[in-house]
PDB file of N, CA and C in Angstrom:
ATOM      1  N   MET A   1      21.618 -10.549 -11.608  1.00  0.00           N
ATOM      2  CA  MET A   1      20.821  -9.648 -11.138  1.00  0.00           C
ATOM      3  C   MET A   1      21.561  -8.410 -10.612  1.00  0.00           C
ATOM      4  N   PHE A   2      21.345  -7.229 -11.063  1.00  0.00           N
ATOM      5  CA  PHE A   2      21.700  -5.955 -10.683  1.00  0.00           C
ATOM      6  C   PHE A   2      20.845  -5.336  -9.628  1.00  0.00           C
ATOM      7  N   ARG A   3      21.430  -4.748  -8.639  1.00  0.00           N
ATOM      8  CA  ARG A   3      20.636  -4.203  -7.391  1.00  0.00           C
ATOM      9  C   ARG A   3      21.328  -2.775  -7.340  1.00  0.00           C
ATOM     10  N   ILE A   4      20.569  -1.925  -6.968  1.00  0.00           N
ATOM     11  CA  ILE A   4      20.762  -0.612  -6.459  1.00  0.00           C
ATOM     12  C   ILE A   4      20.077  -0.476  -5.205  1.00  0.00           C
ATOM     13  N   SER A   5      20.484   0.605  -4.532  1.00  0.00           N
ATOM     14  CA  SER A   5      19.605   1.007  -3.365  1.00  0.00           C
ATOM     15  C   SER A   5      19.955   2.377  -2.905  1.00  0.00           C
ATOM     16  N   LYS A   6      18.905   3.111  -2.432  1.00  0.00           N
ATOM     17  CA  LYS A   6      19.169   4.614  -1.892  1.00  0.00           C
ATOM     18  C   LYS A   6      18.501   4.820  -0.487  1.00  0.00           C
ATOM     19  N   GLU A   7      19.129   5.405   0.185  1.00  0.00           N
ATOM     20  CA  GLU A   7      18.540   5.675   1.709  1.00  0.00           C
ATOM     21  C   GLU A   7      18.112   7.103   1.831  1.00  0.00           C
ATOM     22  N   PHE A   8      16.943   7.235   2.514  1.00  0.00           N
ATOM     23  CA  PHE A   8      16.297   8.572   2.696  1.00  0.00           C
ATOM     24  C   PHE A   8      15.948   8.592   4.284  1.00  0.00           C
ATOM     25  N   HIS A   9      15.989   9.820   4.777  1.00  0.00           N
ATOM     26  CA  HIS A   9      15.557  10.096   6.292  1.00  0.00           C
ATOM     27  C   HIS A   9      14.742  11.043   6.302  1.00  0.00           C
ATOM     28  N   PHE A  10      13.932  10.696   7.442  1.00  0.00           N
ATOM     29  CA  PHE A  10      12.834  11.758   8.035  1.00  0.00           C
ATOM     30  C   PHE A  10      12.497  11.659   9.422  1.00  0.00           C
ATOM     31  N   SER A  11      11.901  12.518  10.089  1.00  0.00           N
ATOM     32  CA  SER A  11      11.617  12.576  11.370  1.00  0.00           C
ATOM     33  C   SER A  11      10.069  12.683  11.551  1.00  0.00           C
ATOM     34  N   ALA A  12       9.729  11.784  12.533  1.00  0.00           N
ATOM     35  CA  ALA A  12       7.932  11.997  12.460  1.00  0.00           C
ATOM     36  C   ALA A  12       7.622  11.418  13.738  1.00  0.00           C
ATOM     37  N   SER A  13       6.417  11.748  14.222  1.00  0.00           N
ATOM     38  CA  SER A  13       5.735  11.081  15.481  1.00  0.00           C
ATOM     39  C   SER A  13       4.756  10.106  15.130  1.00  0.00           C
ATOM     40  N   HIS A  14       4.404   9.129  15.765  1.00  0.00           N
ATOM     41  CA  HIS A  14       3.376   8.371  15.874  1.00  0.00           C
ATOM     42  C   HIS A  14       2.705   7.720  17.163  1.00  0.00           C
ATOM     43  N   GLN A  15       1.690   7.041  17.054  1.00  0.00           N
ATOM     44  CA  GLN A  15       1.267   6.543  18.283  1.00  0.00           C
ATOM     45  C   GLN A  15       0.372   5.246  17.851  1.00  0.00           C
ATOM     46  N   LEU A  16       0.747   3.995  18.359  1.00  0.00           N
ATOM     47  CA  LEU A  16      -0.190   2.754  17.962  1.00  0.00           C
ATOM     48  C   LEU A  16      -0.976   2.677  18.860  1.00  0.00           C
ATOM     49  N   THR A  17      -2.352   3.388  18.695  1.00  0.00           N
ATOM     50  CA  THR A  17      -3.349   3.428  19.631  1.00  0.00           C
ATOM     51  C   THR A  17      -4.220   1.997  19.775  1.00  0.00           C
ATOM     52  N   HIS A  18      -3.894   0.954  18.728  1.00  0.00           N
ATOM     53  CA  HIS A  18      -4.718  -0.284  19.103  1.00  0.00           C
ATOM     54  C   HIS A  18      -3.913  -1.091  20.202  1.00  0.00           C
ATOM     55  N   LEU A  19      -2.662  -0.794  20.498  1.00  0.00           N
ATOM     56  CA  LEU A  19      -1.820  -1.521  21.617  1.00  0.00           C
ATOM     57  C   LEU A  19      -2.418  -1.429  22.853  1.00  0.00           C
ATOM     58  N   PRO A  20      -2.294  -2.294  23.903  1.00  0.00           N
ATOM     59  CA  PRO A  20      -2.531  -2.066  25.189  1.00  0.00           C
ATOM     60  C   PRO A  20      -1.859  -0.737  25.824  1.00  0.00           C
ATOM     61  N   GLU A  21      -2.860  -0.124  26.766  1.00  0.00           N
ATOM     62  CA  GLU A  21      -2.465   1.192  27.235  1.00  0.00           C
ATOM     63  C   GLU A  21      -0.980   1.180  27.821  1.00  0.00           C
ATOM     64  N   ASP A  22      -0.548   0.200  28.348  1.00  0.00           N
ATOM     65  CA  ASP A  22       0.559   0.063  29.069  1.00  0.00           C
ATOM     66  C   ASP A  22       1.838  -0.467  28.166  1.00  0.00           C
ATOM     67  N   HIS A  23       1.539  -0.351  26.930  1.00  0.00           N
ATOM     68  CA  HIS A  23       2.616  -0.728  25.890  1.00  0.00           C
ATOM     69  C   HIS A  23       3.249   0.435  25.569  1.00  0.00           C
ATOM     70  N   GLN A  24       4.785   0.762  25.397  1.00  0.00           N
ATOM     71  CA  GLN A  24       5.495   1.915  25.186  1.00  0.00           C
ATOM     72  C   GLN A  24       5.146   2.564  23.838  1.00  0.00           C
ATOM     73  N   CYS A  25       4.646   1.719  22.827  1.00  0.00           N
ATOM     74  CA  CYS A  25       4.454   2.214  21.568  1.00  0.00           C
ATOM     75  C   CYS A  25       2.931   2.970  21.584  1.00  0.00           C
ATOM     76  N   ALA A  26       2.158   2.813  22.698  1.00  0.00           N
ATOM     77  CA  ALA A  26       0.822   3.147  22.835  1.00  0.00           C
ATOM     78  C   ALA A  26       0.704   4.631  22.980  1.00  0.00           C
ATOM     79  N   ARG A  27       2.141   5.158  23.698  1.00  0.00           N
ATOM     80  CA  ARG A  27       2.113   6.502  24.002  1.00  0.00           C
ATOM     81  C   ARG A  27       2.611   7.208  22.695  1.00  0.00           C
ATOM     82  N   LEU A  28       2.371   8.465  22.734  1.00  0.00           N
ATOM     83  CA  LEU A  28       2.865   9.307  21.750  1.00  0.00           C
ATOM     84  C   LEU A  28       4.282   9.403  21.733  1.00  0.00           C
ATOM     85  N   HIS A  29       5.001   9.308  20.525  1.00  0.00           N
ATOM     86  CA  HIS A  29       6.398   9.251  20.316  1.00  0.00           C
ATOM     87  C   HIS A  29       6.995   9.220  19.016  1.00  0.00           C
ATOM     88  N   GLY A  30       8.390   9.682  18.941  1.00  0.00           N
ATOM     89  CA  GLY A  30       8.541   9.889  17.625  1.00  0.00           C
ATOM     90  C   GLY A  30       9.931   9.035  17.308  1.00  0.00           C
ATOM     91  N   HIS A  31      10.448   9.066  16.108  1.00  0.00           N
ATOM     92  CA  HIS A  31      11.715   8.220  15.746  1.00  0.00           C
ATOM     93  C   HIS A  31      12.231   9.140  14.498  1.00  0.00           C
ATOM     94  N   ASN A  32      13.416   8.914  14.300  1.00  0.00           N
ATOM     95  CA  ASN A  32      14.300   9.461  13.099  1.00  0.00           C
ATOM     96  C   ASN A  32      14.253   8.192  12.311  1.00  0.00           C
ATOM     97  N   TYR A  33      13.491   8.138  10.992  1.00  0.00           N
ATOM     98  CA  TYR A  33      13.242   7.033  10.302  1.00  0.00           C
ATOM     99  C   TYR A  33      14.231   7.001   9.208  1.00  0.00           C
ATOM    100  N   ILE A  34      14.550   5.998   8.827  1.00  0.00           N
ATOM    101  CA  ILE A  34      15.436   5.613   7.557  1.00  0.00           C
ATOM    102  C   ILE A  34      14.563   4.749   6.585  1.00  0.00           C
ATOM    103  N   VAL A  35      14.596   5.198   5.320  1.00  0.00           N
ATOM    104  CA  VAL A  35      13.758   4.408   4.412  1.00  0.00           C
ATOM    105  C   VAL A  35      15.064   3.967   3.220  1.00  0.00           C
ATOM    106  N   VAL A  36      14.879   2.799   2.793  1.00  0.00           N
ATOM    107  CA  VAL A  36      15.785   2.275   1.850  1.00  0.00           C
ATOM    108  C   VAL A  36      14.995   1.564   0.802  1.00  0.00           C
ATOM    109  N   VAL A  37      15.214   2.252  -0.409  1.00  0.00           N
ATOM    110  CA  VAL A  37      14.521   1.526  -1.409  1.00  0.00           C
ATOM    111  C   VAL A  37      15.560   0.806  -2.491  1.00  0.00           C
ATOM    112  N   GLU A  38      15.102  -0.661  -2.853  1.00  0.00           N
ATOM    113  CA  GLU A  38      15.977  -1.154  -3.584  1.00  0.00           C
ATOM    114  C   GLU A  38      15.281  -1.494  -5.035  1.00  0.00           C
ATOM    115  N   LEU A  39      16.415  -1.371  -6.014  1.00  0.00           N
ATOM    116  CA  LEU A  39      15.802  -1.527  -7.442  1.00  0.00           C
ATOM    117  C   LEU A  39      16.464  -2.636  -7.942  1.00  0.00           C
ATOM    118  N   ALA A  40      16.105  -3.582  -8.556  1.00  0.00           N
ATOM    119  CA  ALA A  40      16.825  -4.649  -9.338  1.00  0.00           C
ATOM    120  C   ALA A  40      16.500  -4.840 -10.655  1.00  0.00           C
ATOM    121  N   SER A  41      17.371  -5.289 -11.359  1.00  0.00           N
ATOM    122  CA  SER A  41      17.195  -5.609 -12.869  1.00  0.00           C
ATOM    123  C   SER A  41      17.930  -6.613 -13.393  1.00  0.00           C
ATOM    124  N   PRO A  42      17.871  -7.462 -14.213  1.00  0.00           N
ATOM    125  CA  PRO A  42      18.804  -8.594 -14.691  1.00  0.00           C
ATOM    126  C   PRO A  42      19.597  -7.735 -15.819  1.00  0.00           C
ATOM    127  N   THR A  43      19.204  -6.467 -16.497  1.00  0.00           N
ATOM    128  CA  THR A  43      19.848  -5.894 -17.367  1.00  0.00           C
ATOM    129  C   THR A  43      20.241  -4.358 -16.996  1.00  0.00           C
ATOM    130  N   LEU A  44      20.983  -3.707 -17.536  1.00  0.00           N
ATOM    131  CA  LEU A  44      21.222  -2.145 -17.335  1.00  0.00           C
ATOM    132  C   LEU A  44      20.646  -1.485 -18.537  1.00  0.00           C
ATOM    133  N   ASN A  45      20.297  -0.234 -18.484  1.00  0.00           N
ATOM    134  CA  ASN A  45      19.650   0.397 -19.386  1.00  0.00           C
ATOM    135  C   ASN A  45      21.014   1.122 -20.254  1.00  0.00           C
ATOM    136  N   SER A  46      20.657   1.762 -21.285  1.00  0.00           N
ATOM    137  CA  SER A  46      21.559   2.278 -22.270  1.00  0.00           C
ATOM    138  C   SER A  46      22.801   3.099 -21.447  1.00  0.00           C
ATOM    139  N   ASP A  47      22.446   3.656 -20.343  1.00  0.00           N
ATOM    140  CA  ASP A  47      23.477   4.390 -19.690  1.00  0.00           C
ATOM    141  C   ASP A  47      24.305   3.486 -18.663  1.00  0.00           C
ATOM    142  N   GLY A  48      23.913   2.086 -18.581  1.00  0.00           N
ATOM    143  CA  GLY A  48      24.652   1.497 -17.746  1.00  0.00           C
ATOM    144  C   GLY A  48      24.144   1.321 -16.309  1.00  0.00           C
ATOM    145  N   PHE A  49      22.891   1.770 -16.171  1.00  0.00           N
ATOM    146  CA  PHE A  49      22.204   2.006 -14.885  1.00  0.00           C
ATOM    147  C   PHE A  49      21.030   0.956 -14.762  1.00  0.00           C
ATOM    148  N   VAL A  50      20.758   0.498 -13.527  1.00  0.00           N
ATOM    149  CA  VAL A  50      19.524   0.053 -13.281  1.00  0.00           C
ATOM    150  C   VAL A  50      18.451   1.166 -13.396  1.00  0.00           C
ATOM    151  N   ARG A  51      18.710   2.219 -12.791  1.00  0.00           N
ATOM    152  CA  ARG A  51      17.968   3.257 -12.637  1.00  0.00           C
ATOM    153  C   ARG A  51      18.920   4.397 -12.203  1.00  0.00           C
ATOM    154  N   ASP A  52      18.969   5.656 -13.027  1.00  0.00           N
ATOM    155  CA  ASP A  52      19.583   6.515 -12.571  1.00  0.00           C
ATOM    156  C   ASP A  52      19.156   7.223 -11.142  1.00  0.00           C
ATOM    157  N   TYR A  53      20.218   7.287 -10.296  1.00  0.00           N
ATOM    158  CA  TYR A  53      19.835   7.785  -8.712  1.00  0.00           C
ATOM    159  C   TYR A  53      19.142   9.045  -8.739  1.00  0.00           C
ATOM    160  N   HIS A  54      19.405   9.760  -9.597  1.00  0.00           N
ATOM    161  CA  HIS A  54      18.782  11.186  -9.724  1.00  0.00           C
ATOM    162  C   HIS A  54      17.127  11.024  -9.915  1.00  0.00           C
ATOM    163  N   GLU A  55      16.870  10.054 -10.626  1.00  0.00           N
ATOM    164  CA  GLU A  55      15.498   9.857 -10.768  1.00  0.00           C
ATOM    165  C   GLU A  55      14.551   9.508  -9.512  1.00  0.00           C
ATOM    166  N   LEU A  56      15.446   9.166  -8.400  1.00  0.00           N
ATOM    167  CA  LEU A  56      14.880   8.687  -7.120  1.00  0.00           C
ATOM    168  C   LEU A  56      14.565   9.976  -6.287  1.00  0.00           C
ATOM    169  N   LYS A  57      14.936  11.197  -6.845  1.00  0.00           N
ATOM    170  CA  LYS A  57      14.642  12.202  -5.761  1.00  0.00           C
ATOM    171  C   LYS A  57      13.396  12.775  -5.815  1.00  0.00           C
ATOM    172  N   VAL A  58      12.390  12.212  -6.517  1.00  0.00           N
ATOM    173  CA  VAL A  58      10.990  12.413  -6.280  1.00  0.00           C
ATOM    174  C   VAL A  58      10.555  11.542  -5.070  1.00  0.00           C
ATOM    175  N   LEU A  59      11.198  10.633  -4.669  1.00  0.00           N
ATOM    176  CA  LEU A  59      10.873   9.934  -3.418  1.00  0.00           C
ATOM    177  C   LEU A  59      11.431  10.720  -2.313  1.00  0.00           C
ATOM    178  N   LYS A  60      12.561  11.391  -2.167  1.00  0.00           N
ATOM    179  CA  LYS A  60      12.859  12.405  -1.301  1.00  0.00           C
ATOM    180  C   LYS A  60      12.001  13.471  -1.240  1.00  0.00           C
ATOM    181  N   ASP A  61      11.582  13.946  -2.278  1.00  0.00           N
ATOM    182  CA  ASP A  61      10.484  15.387  -2.430  1.00  0.00           C
ATOM    183  C   ASP A  61       9.101  14.552  -1.617  1.00  0.00           C
ATOM    184  N   TYR A  62       8.626  13.270  -2.004  1.00  0.00           N
ATOM    185  CA  TYR A  62       7.478  12.799  -1.348  1.00  0.00           C
ATOM    186  C   TYR A  62       7.634  12.654   0.231  1.00  0.00           C
ATOM    187  N   ILE A  63       8.812  12.043   0.585  1.00  0.00           N
ATOM    188  CA  ILE A  63       8.967  12.088   1.944  1.00  0.00           C
ATOM    189  C   ILE A  63       9.039  13.346   2.883  1.00  0.00           C
ATOM    190  N   ASP A  64       9.632  14.303   2.124  1.00  0.00           N
ATOM    191  CA  ASP A  64      10.063  15.641   2.890  1.00  0.00           C
ATOM    192  C   ASP A  64       8.466  16.159   2.936  1.00  0.00           C
ATOM    193  N   SER A  65       7.722  16.080   1.792  1.00  0.00           N
ATOM    194  CA  SER A  65       6.364  16.921   1.938  1.00  0.00           C
ATOM    195  C   SER A  65       5.231  16.180   2.565  1.00  0.00           C
ATOM    196  N   THR A  66       5.344  14.910   2.659  1.00  0.00           N
ATOM    197  CA  THR A  66       4.336  14.077   3.411  1.00  0.00           C
ATOM    198  C   THR A  66       4.471  13.521   4.588  1.00  0.00           C
ATOM    199  N   PHE A  67       5.729  13.185   4.985  1.00  0.00           N
ATOM    200  CA  PHE A  67       6.134  12.224   5.995  1.00  0.00           C
ATOM    201  C   PHE A  67       6.911  12.959   7.343  1.00  0.00           C
ATOM    202  N   ASP A  68       7.931  14.136   6.609  1.00  0.00           N
ATOM    203  CA  ASP A  68       8.843  14.751   7.628  1.00  0.00           C
ATOM    204  C   ASP A  68       8.138  15.629   8.380  1.00  0.00           C
ATOM    205  N   HIS A  69       8.358  15.477   9.660  1.00  0.00           N
ATOM    206  CA  HIS A  69       8.007  16.329  10.858  1.00  0.00           C
ATOM    207  C   HIS A  69       6.444  16.302  10.786  1.00  0.00           C
ATOM    208  N   ARG A  70       5.805  15.005  10.717  1.00  0.00           N
ATOM    209  CA  ARG A  70       4.532  14.889  10.647  1.00  0.00           C
ATOM    210  C   ARG A  70       4.121  13.829  11.593  1.00  0.00           C
ATOM    211  N   HIS A  71       2.799  13.835  11.931  1.00  0.00           N
ATOM    212  CA  HIS A  71       2.154  12.797  12.892  1.00  0.00           C
ATOM    213  C   HIS A  71       1.761  11.801  11.801  1.00  0.00           C
ATOM    214  N   LEU A  72       2.468  10.665  11.878  1.00  0.00           N
ATOM    215  CA  LEU A  72       2.085   9.544  10.835  1.00  0.00           C
ATOM    216  C   LEU A  72       0.552   8.849  10.979  1.00  0.00           C
ATOM    217  N   ASN A  73       0.106   9.008  12.057  1.00  0.00           N
ATOM    218  CA  ASN A  73      -1.358   8.537  12.349  1.00  0.00           C
ATOM    219  C   ASN A  73      -2.396   9.450  11.438  1.00  0.00           C
ATOM    220  N   ASP A  74      -1.876  10.743  11.065  1.00  0.00           N
ATOM    221  CA  ASP A  74      -2.708  11.509  10.299  1.00  0.00           C
ATOM    222  C   ASP A  74      -2.421  11.337   8.503  1.00  0.00           C
ATOM    223  N   VAL A  75      -1.204  10.531   8.316  1.00  0.00           N
ATOM    224  CA  VAL A  75      -0.752  10.434   7.152  1.00  0.00           C
ATOM    225  C   VAL A  75      -1.122   9.082   6.631  1.00  0.00           C
ATOM    226  N   LEU A  76      -1.031   8.069   7.095  1.00  0.00           N
ATOM    227  CA  LEU A  76      -0.830   6.665   6.801  1.00  0.00           C
ATOM    228  C   LEU A  76      -2.328   5.959   7.245  1.00  0.00           C
ATOM    229  N   GLU A  77      -2.918   5.186   6.434  1.00  0.00           N
ATOM    230  CA  GLU A  77      -3.947   4.230   6.630  1.00  0.00           C
ATOM    231  C   GLU A  77      -3.676   3.056   7.272  1.00  0.00           C
ATOM    232  N   GLY A  78      -4.493   2.799   8.568  1.00  0.00           N
ATOM    233  CA  GLY A  78      -4.092   1.638   9.179  1.00  0.00           C
ATOM    234  C   GLY A  78      -2.969   2.024  10.227  1.00  0.00           C
ATOM    235  N   PRO A  79      -2.332   1.048  11.051  1.00  0.00           N
ATOM    236  CA  PRO A  79      -1.256   1.318  12.194  1.00  0.00           C
ATOM    237  C   PRO A  79      -0.173   1.886  11.352  1.00  0.00           C
ATOM    238  N   SER A  80       0.401   2.646  12.133  1.00  0.00           N
ATOM    239  CA  SER A  80       1.567   3.408  11.550  1.00  0.00           C
ATOM    240  C   SER A  80       2.894   2.703  12.011  1.00  0.00           C
ATOM    241  N   THR A  81       2.990   1.453  11.650  1.00  0.00           N
ATOM    242  CA  THR A  81       3.967   0.522  12.015  1.00  0.00           C
ATOM    243  C   THR A  81       5.262   0.644  10.966  1.00  0.00           C
ATOM    244  N   ALA A  82       6.219   0.266  11.327  1.00  0.00           N
ATOM    245  CA  ALA A  82       7.347   0.288  10.200  1.00  0.00           C
ATOM    246  C   ALA A  82       7.019  -0.692   9.085  1.00  0.00           C
ATOM    247  N   GLU A  83       6.345  -1.843   9.636  1.00  0.00           N
ATOM    248  CA  GLU A  83       6.020  -2.818   8.492  1.00  0.00           C
ATOM    249  C   GLU A  83       5.074  -2.165   7.484  1.00  0.00           C
ATOM    250  N   ASN A  84       3.994  -1.428   7.946  1.00  0.00           N
ATOM    251  CA  ASN A  84       3.168  -0.697   7.060  1.00  0.00           C
ATOM    252  C   ASN A  84       3.736   0.315   6.402  1.00  0.00           C
ATOM    253  N   MET A  85       4.647   1.070   6.909  1.00  0.00           N
ATOM    254  CA  MET A  85       5.216   1.966   6.136  1.00  0.00           C
ATOM    255  C   MET A  85       6.114   1.501   4.970  1.00  0.00           C
ATOM    256  N   ALA A  86       6.900   0.341   5.175  1.00  0.00           N
ATOM    257  CA  ALA A  86       7.406  -0.455   4.008  1.00  0.00           C
ATOM    258  C   ALA A  86       6.688  -0.760   2.976  1.00  0.00           C
ATOM    259  N   ARG A  87       5.357  -1.285   3.385  1.00  0.00           N
ATOM    260  CA  ARG A  87       4.593  -1.631   2.181  1.00  0.00           C
ATOM    261  C   ARG A  87       4.033  -0.503   1.549  1.00  0.00           C
ATOM    262  N   HIS A  88       3.875   0.746   2.268  1.00  0.00           N
ATOM    263  CA  HIS A  88       3.416   2.019   1.597  1.00  0.00           C
ATOM    264  C   HIS A  88       4.374   2.392   0.666  1.00  0.00           C
ATOM    265  N   PHE A  89       5.631   2.352   1.175  1.00  0.00           N
ATOM    266  CA  PHE A  89       6.733   3.117   0.332  1.00  0.00           C
ATOM    267  C   PHE A  89       6.995   2.156  -0.878  1.00  0.00           C
ATOM    268  N   TYR A  90       6.880   0.869  -0.601  1.00  0.00           N
ATOM    269  CA  TYR A  90       7.174  -0.026  -1.804  1.00  0.00           C
ATOM    270  C   TYR A  90       5.939   0.370  -2.690  1.00  0.00           C
ATOM    271  N   ASP A  91       4.853   0.385  -2.543  1.00  0.00           N
ATOM    272  CA  ASP A  91       3.720   0.527  -3.467  1.00  0.00           C
ATOM    273  C   ASP A  91       3.761   1.800  -4.234  1.00  0.00           C
ATOM    274  N   TRP A  92       4.273   2.776  -3.439  1.00  0.00           N
ATOM    275  CA  TRP A  92       4.686   4.131  -4.068  1.00  0.00           C
ATOM    276  C   TRP A  92       5.585   4.074  -5.171  1.00  0.00           C
ATOM    277  N   CYS A  93       6.913   3.471  -4.602  1.00  0.00           N
ATOM    278  CA  CYS A  93       8.093   3.251  -5.749  1.00  0.00           C
ATOM    279  C   CYS A  93       7.512   2.376  -6.683  1.00  0.00           C
ATOM    280  N   GLN A  94       7.034   1.301  -6.631  1.00  0.00           N
ATOM    281  CA  GLN A  94       6.697   0.389  -7.569  1.00  0.00           C
ATOM    282  C   GLN A  94       5.976   0.940  -8.645  1.00  0.00           C
ATOM    283  N   ALA A  95       4.978   1.801  -8.213  1.00  0.00           N
ATOM    284  CA  ALA A  95       4.126   2.603  -9.368  1.00  0.00           C
ATOM    285  C   ALA A  95       5.006   3.385 -10.354  1.00  0.00           C
ATOM    286  N   ARG A  96       6.005   3.904  -9.976  1.00  0.00           N
ATOM    287  CA  ARG A  96       6.871   4.696 -10.510  1.00  0.00           C
ATOM    288  C   ARG A  96       8.073   4.190 -11.149  1.00  0.00           C
ATOM    289  N   TRP A  97       8.542   2.974 -10.756  1.00  0.00           N
ATOM    290  CA  TRP A  97       9.726   2.438 -11.273  1.00  0.00           C
ATOM    291  C   TRP A  97       9.591   0.864 -11.080  1.00  0.00           C
ATOM    292  N   PRO A  98       9.277   0.243 -12.061  1.00  0.00           N
ATOM    293  CA  PRO A  98       8.904  -1.287 -12.081  1.00  0.00           C
ATOM    294  C   PRO A  98       9.977  -2.227 -11.490  1.00  0.00           C
ATOM    295  N   GLU A  99      11.205  -1.559 -11.562  1.00  0.00           N
ATOM    296  CA  GLU A  99      12.436  -2.240 -10.946  1.00  0.00           C
ATOM    297  C   GLU A  99      12.497  -2.414  -9.390  1.00  0.00           C
ATOM    298  N   THR A 100      11.498  -1.698  -8.723  1.00  0.00           N
ATOM    299  CA  THR A 100      11.604  -1.862  -7.302  1.00  0.00           C
ATOM    300  C   THR A 100      11.344  -3.173  -6.694  1.00  0.00           C
ATOM    301  N   SER A 101      12.233  -3.618  -5.994  1.00  0.00           N
ATOM    302  CA  SER A 101      12.160  -4.965  -5.596  1.00  0.00           C
ATOM    303  C   SER A 101      11.876  -5.084  -3.973  1.00  0.00           C
ATOM    304  N   ALA A 102      12.287  -4.046  -3.254  1.00  0.00           N
ATOM    305  CA  ALA A 102      12.236  -4.089  -1.803  1.00  0.00           C
ATOM    306  C   ALA A 102      12.299  -2.619  -1.339  1.00  0.00           C
ATOM    307  N   VAL A 103      11.721  -2.481  -0.127  1.00  0.00           N
ATOM    308  CA  VAL A 103      11.624  -1.247   0.890  1.00  0.00           C
ATOM    309  C   VAL A 103      11.990  -1.660   2.305  1.00  0.00           C
ATOM    310  N   LYS A 104      13.016  -1.148   3.011  1.00  0.00           N
ATOM    311  CA  LYS A 104      12.982  -1.179   4.363  1.00  0.00           C
ATOM    312  C   LYS A 104      12.890  -0.144   5.167  1.00  0.00           C
ATOM    313  N   VAL A 105      12.258  -0.084   6.241  1.00  0.00           N
ATOM    314  CA  VAL A 105      12.110   1.141   7.009  1.00  0.00           C
ATOM    315  C   VAL A 105      12.877   0.844   8.341  1.00  0.00           C
ATOM    316  N   SER A 106      13.599   1.850   9.187  1.00  0.00           N
ATOM    317  CA  SER A 106      14.217   1.490  10.488  1.00  0.00           C
ATOM    318  C   SER A 106      13.417   2.560  11.151  1.00  0.00           C
ATOM    319  N   GLU A 107      13.074   2.267  12.310  1.00  0.00           N
ATOM    320  CA  GLU A 107      12.919   3.178  13.398  1.00  0.00           C
ATOM    321  C   GLU A 107      13.685   3.543  14.348  1.00  0.00           C
ATOM    322  N   THR A 108      14.706   2.775  14.729  1.00  0.00           N
ATOM    323  CA  THR A 108      15.923   2.743  15.544  1.00  0.00           C
ATOM    324  C   THR A 108      17.013   2.281  14.848  1.00  0.00           C
ATOM    325  N   PRO A 109      18.229   2.600  15.387  1.00  0.00           N
ATOM    326  CA  PRO A 109      19.387   1.960  14.719  1.00  0.00           C
ATOM    327  C   PRO A 109      19.626   0.420  14.790  1.00  0.00           C
ATOM    328  N   LYS A 110      18.789  -0.182  15.663  1.00  0.00           N
ATOM    329  CA  LYS A 110      18.777  -1.923  15.698  1.00  0.00           C
ATOM    330  C   LYS A 110      17.594  -2.521  14.992  1.00  0.00           C
ATOM    331  N   THR A 111      16.481  -1.659  14.663  1.00  0.00           N
ATOM    332  CA  THR A 111      15.464  -2.387  14.177  1.00  0.00           C
ATOM    333  C   THR A 111      15.060  -1.885  12.549  1.00  0.00           C
ATOM    334  N   TRP A 112      14.451  -2.917  12.033  1.00  0.00           N
ATOM    335  CA  TRP A 112      14.276  -2.917  10.607  1.00  0.00           C
ATOM    336  C   TRP A 112      12.966  -3.630  10.071  1.00  0.00           C
ATOM    337  N   ALA A 113      12.123  -3.110   9.302  1.00  0.00           N
ATOM    338  CA  ALA A 113      11.046  -3.765   8.718  1.00  0.00           C
ATOM    339  C   ALA A 113      11.336  -3.631   7.039  1.00  0.00           C
ATOM    340  N   GLU A 114      11.132  -4.848   6.499  1.00  0.00           N
ATOM    341  CA  GLU A 114      11.035  -4.902   4.862  1.00  0.00           C
ATOM    342  C   GLU A 114       9.879  -5.463   4.499  1.00  0.00           C
ATOM    343  N   PHE A 115       9.567  -4.780   3.397  1.00  0.00           N
ATOM    344  CA  PHE A 115       8.567  -5.293   2.443  1.00  0.00           C
ATOM    345  C   PHE A 115       9.388  -5.741   1.047  1.00  0.00           C
ATOM    346  N   ARG A 116       9.163  -7.073   0.963  1.00  0.00           N
ATOM    347  CA  ARG A 116       9.723  -7.564  -0.480  1.00  0.00           C
ATOM    348  C   ARG A 116       8.685  -8.594  -0.882  1.00  0.00           C
ATOM    349  N   PRO A 117       8.180  -8.452  -2.030  1.00  0.00           N
ATOM    350  CA  PRO A 117       7.028  -9.182  -2.525  1.00  0.00           C
ATOM    351  C   PRO A 117       7.922 -10.621  -3.034  1.00  0.00           C
TER     352      PRO A 117
END
């Protein structure tokens, strides 16, 4: 199996209002997010790629226009957790690139959430 991945960055605020009032994530706060999309295929296309990295620029455009410097509670349905964002980006990517195999989202340098069906 061949696998490729590409990393994207954005900054945004969010608030997990469903958590207890004394939980730190219940307060309005922000993160510098990292999104990593992974694509996999047992074969390569005629150019020798799983998918040309240049084709993934539309994900950068989507992230920049919809998520960057936004309040995620206004953008996403449901809680704006890293887990829900990983699923959201996976679904968005899978609809465009059937080779999409996983998406990871980081809120901090030490935390990652992944959606991999």
